[in-house]
Amino acid sequence: PLLEAASRLKLPPAQCIYVGDDERDIIAGLAAGMGTVAATYGYLGAKADPGEWGAHAAIKSPIELLKLLVHA
C-alpha cells in the first residue's frame, strides 16, 4: 500500500514520509524506502519502545510533524 500511495502521488518513495504509531508501521516505511517518523503519542501499548523501532525521527505531538517538514 505504501508503494501504491507513492505511485499515485507520482513521487519516488524516497521523497515520502510515513508516520506510524507502531513498530510495524516503521518497518513497512523502511521496507518501502521512505523516511519514517514514529508517533510517540496515542495508543502504543504498554511495552512499546518507539526509540527501538529504527525510525528516522520521532514526534510527541502532531504539530511536531510540521516542524520536521519545514526542515526537510
C-alpha atoms as a PDB file:
ATOM      1  CA  PRO A   1       0.000   0.000   0.000  1.00  0.00           C
ATOM      2  CA  LEU A   2       2.845   2.449   0.681  1.00  0.00           C
ATOM      3  CA  LEU A   3       4.378   1.977  -2.731  1.00  0.00           C
ATOM      4  CA  GLU A   4       0.946   2.310  -4.335  1.00  0.00           C
ATOM      5  CA  ALA A   5       0.372   5.580  -2.473  1.00  0.00           C
ATOM      6  CA  ALA A   6       3.724   6.935  -3.659  1.00  0.00           C
ATOM      7  CA  SER A   7       2.924   5.852  -7.205  1.00  0.00           C
ATOM      8  CA  ARG A   8      -0.447   7.586  -7.161  1.00  0.00           C
ATOM      9  CA  LEU A   9       1.237  10.742  -5.884  1.00  0.00           C
ATOM     10  CA  LYS A  10       3.776  10.370  -8.683  1.00  0.00           C
ATOM     11  CA  LEU A  11       6.609  10.518  -6.173  1.00  0.00           C
ATOM     12  CA  PRO A  12       9.521   8.182  -5.598  1.00  0.00           C
ATOM     13  CA  PRO A  13       9.235   6.514  -2.188  1.00  0.00           C
ATOM     14  CA  ALA A  14      12.427   8.272  -1.060  1.00  0.00           C
ATOM     15  CA  GLN A  15      10.535  11.575  -1.254  1.00  0.00           C
ATOM     16  CA  CYS A  16       7.755  10.316   1.022  1.00  0.00           C
ATOM     17  CA  ILE A  17       7.500  10.218   4.804  1.00  0.00           C
ATOM     18  CA  TYR A  18       5.467   7.581   6.589  1.00  0.00           C
ATOM     19  CA  VAL A  19       4.257   8.338  10.105  1.00  0.00           C
ATOM     20  CA  GLY A  20       3.281   5.458  12.356  1.00  0.00           C
ATOM     21  CA  ASP A  21       2.408   4.674  15.948  1.00  0.00           C
ATOM     22  CA  ASP A  22       3.507   1.047  15.875  1.00  0.00           C
ATOM     23  CA  GLU A  23       6.772  -0.709  15.103  1.00  0.00           C
ATOM     24  CA  ARG A  24       5.189  -2.468  12.125  1.00  0.00           C
ATOM     25  CA  ASP A  25       4.461   0.942  10.576  1.00  0.00           C
ATOM     26  CA  ILE A  26       8.117   1.901  10.779  1.00  0.00           C
ATOM     27  CA  ILE A  27       9.184  -1.472   9.384  1.00  0.00           C
ATOM     28  CA  ALA A  28       6.800  -1.001   6.443  1.00  0.00           C
ATOM     29  CA  GLY A  29       8.024   2.534   5.759  1.00  0.00           C
ATOM     30  CA  LEU A  30      11.664   1.480   5.848  1.00  0.00           C
ATOM     31  CA  ALA A  31      10.958  -1.512   3.586  1.00  0.00           C
ATOM     32  CA  ALA A  32       9.294   0.836   1.093  1.00  0.00           C
ATOM     33  CA  GLY A  33      12.346   3.114   1.108  1.00  0.00           C
ATOM     34  CA  MET A  34      10.514   6.006   2.757  1.00  0.00           C
ATOM     35  CA  GLY A  35      11.501   8.327   5.542  1.00  0.00           C
ATOM     36  CA  THR A  36       9.852   7.265   8.771  1.00  0.00           C
ATOM     37  CA  VAL A  37       8.529   9.118  11.794  1.00  0.00           C
ATOM     38  CA  ALA A  38       7.429   7.386  14.984  1.00  0.00           C
ATOM     39  CA  ALA A  39       4.390   8.993  16.603  1.00  0.00           C
ATOM     40  CA  THR A  40       5.041   8.501  20.306  1.00  0.00           C
ATOM     41  CA  TYR A  41       1.611   9.728  21.392  1.00  0.00           C
ATOM     42  CA  GLY A  42      -1.714   7.926  21.365  1.00  0.00           C
ATOM     43  CA  TYR A  43      -2.042   4.170  21.557  1.00  0.00           C
ATOM     44  CA  LEU A  44       1.342   2.479  21.781  1.00  0.00           C
ATOM     45  CA  GLY A  45       0.748  -0.439  24.096  1.00  0.00           C
ATOM     46  CA  ALA A  46       2.319  -0.920  27.493  1.00  0.00           C
ATOM     47  CA  LYS A  47       5.594  -2.441  26.300  1.00  0.00           C
ATOM     48  CA  ALA A  48       6.208  -0.304  23.218  1.00  0.00           C
ATOM     49  CA  ASP A  49       9.560   1.487  22.982  1.00  0.00           C
ATOM     50  CA  PRO A  50       9.493   3.743  19.907  1.00  0.00           C
ATOM     51  CA  GLY A  51      13.180   4.503  20.419  1.00  0.00           C
ATOM     52  CA  GLU A  52      13.970   0.947  19.359  1.00  0.00           C
ATOM     53  CA  TRP A  53      11.910   0.964  16.157  1.00  0.00           C
ATOM     54  CA  GLY A  54      14.622   2.476  13.952  1.00  0.00           C
ATOM     55  CA  ALA A  55      12.569   5.422  12.699  1.00  0.00           C
ATOM     56  CA  HIS A  56      14.368   8.398  11.195  1.00  0.00           C
ATOM     57  CA  ALA A  57      12.626  10.737  13.651  1.00  0.00           C
ATOM     58  CA  ALA A  58      10.076  10.719  16.455  1.00  0.00           C
ATOM     59  CA  ILE A  59       7.353  13.183  17.380  1.00  0.00           C
ATOM     60  CA  LYS A  60       5.439  13.696  20.621  1.00  0.00           C
ATOM     61  CA  SER A  61       2.523  15.583  19.049  1.00  0.00           C
ATOM     62  CA  PRO A  62       1.087  16.179  15.570  1.00  0.00           C
ATOM     63  CA  ILE A  63       2.376  19.764  15.481  1.00  0.00           C
ATOM     64  CA  GLU A  64       5.941  18.433  15.700  1.00  0.00           C
ATOM     65  CA  LEU A  65       5.471  16.820  12.288  1.00  0.00           C
ATOM     66  CA  LEU A  66       5.005  20.263  10.761  1.00  0.00           C
ATOM     67  CA  LYS A  67       8.302  21.361  12.276  1.00  0.00           C
ATOM     68  CA  LEU A  68      10.038  18.328  10.770  1.00  0.00           C
ATOM     69  CA  LEU A  69       8.563  19.007   7.346  1.00  0.00           C
ATOM     70  CA  VAL A  70       9.717  22.636   7.386  1.00  0.00           C
ATOM     71  CA  HIS A  71      13.297  21.456   7.889  1.00  0.00           C
ATOM     72  CA  ALA A  72      13.099  18.649   5.318  1.00  0.00           C
END
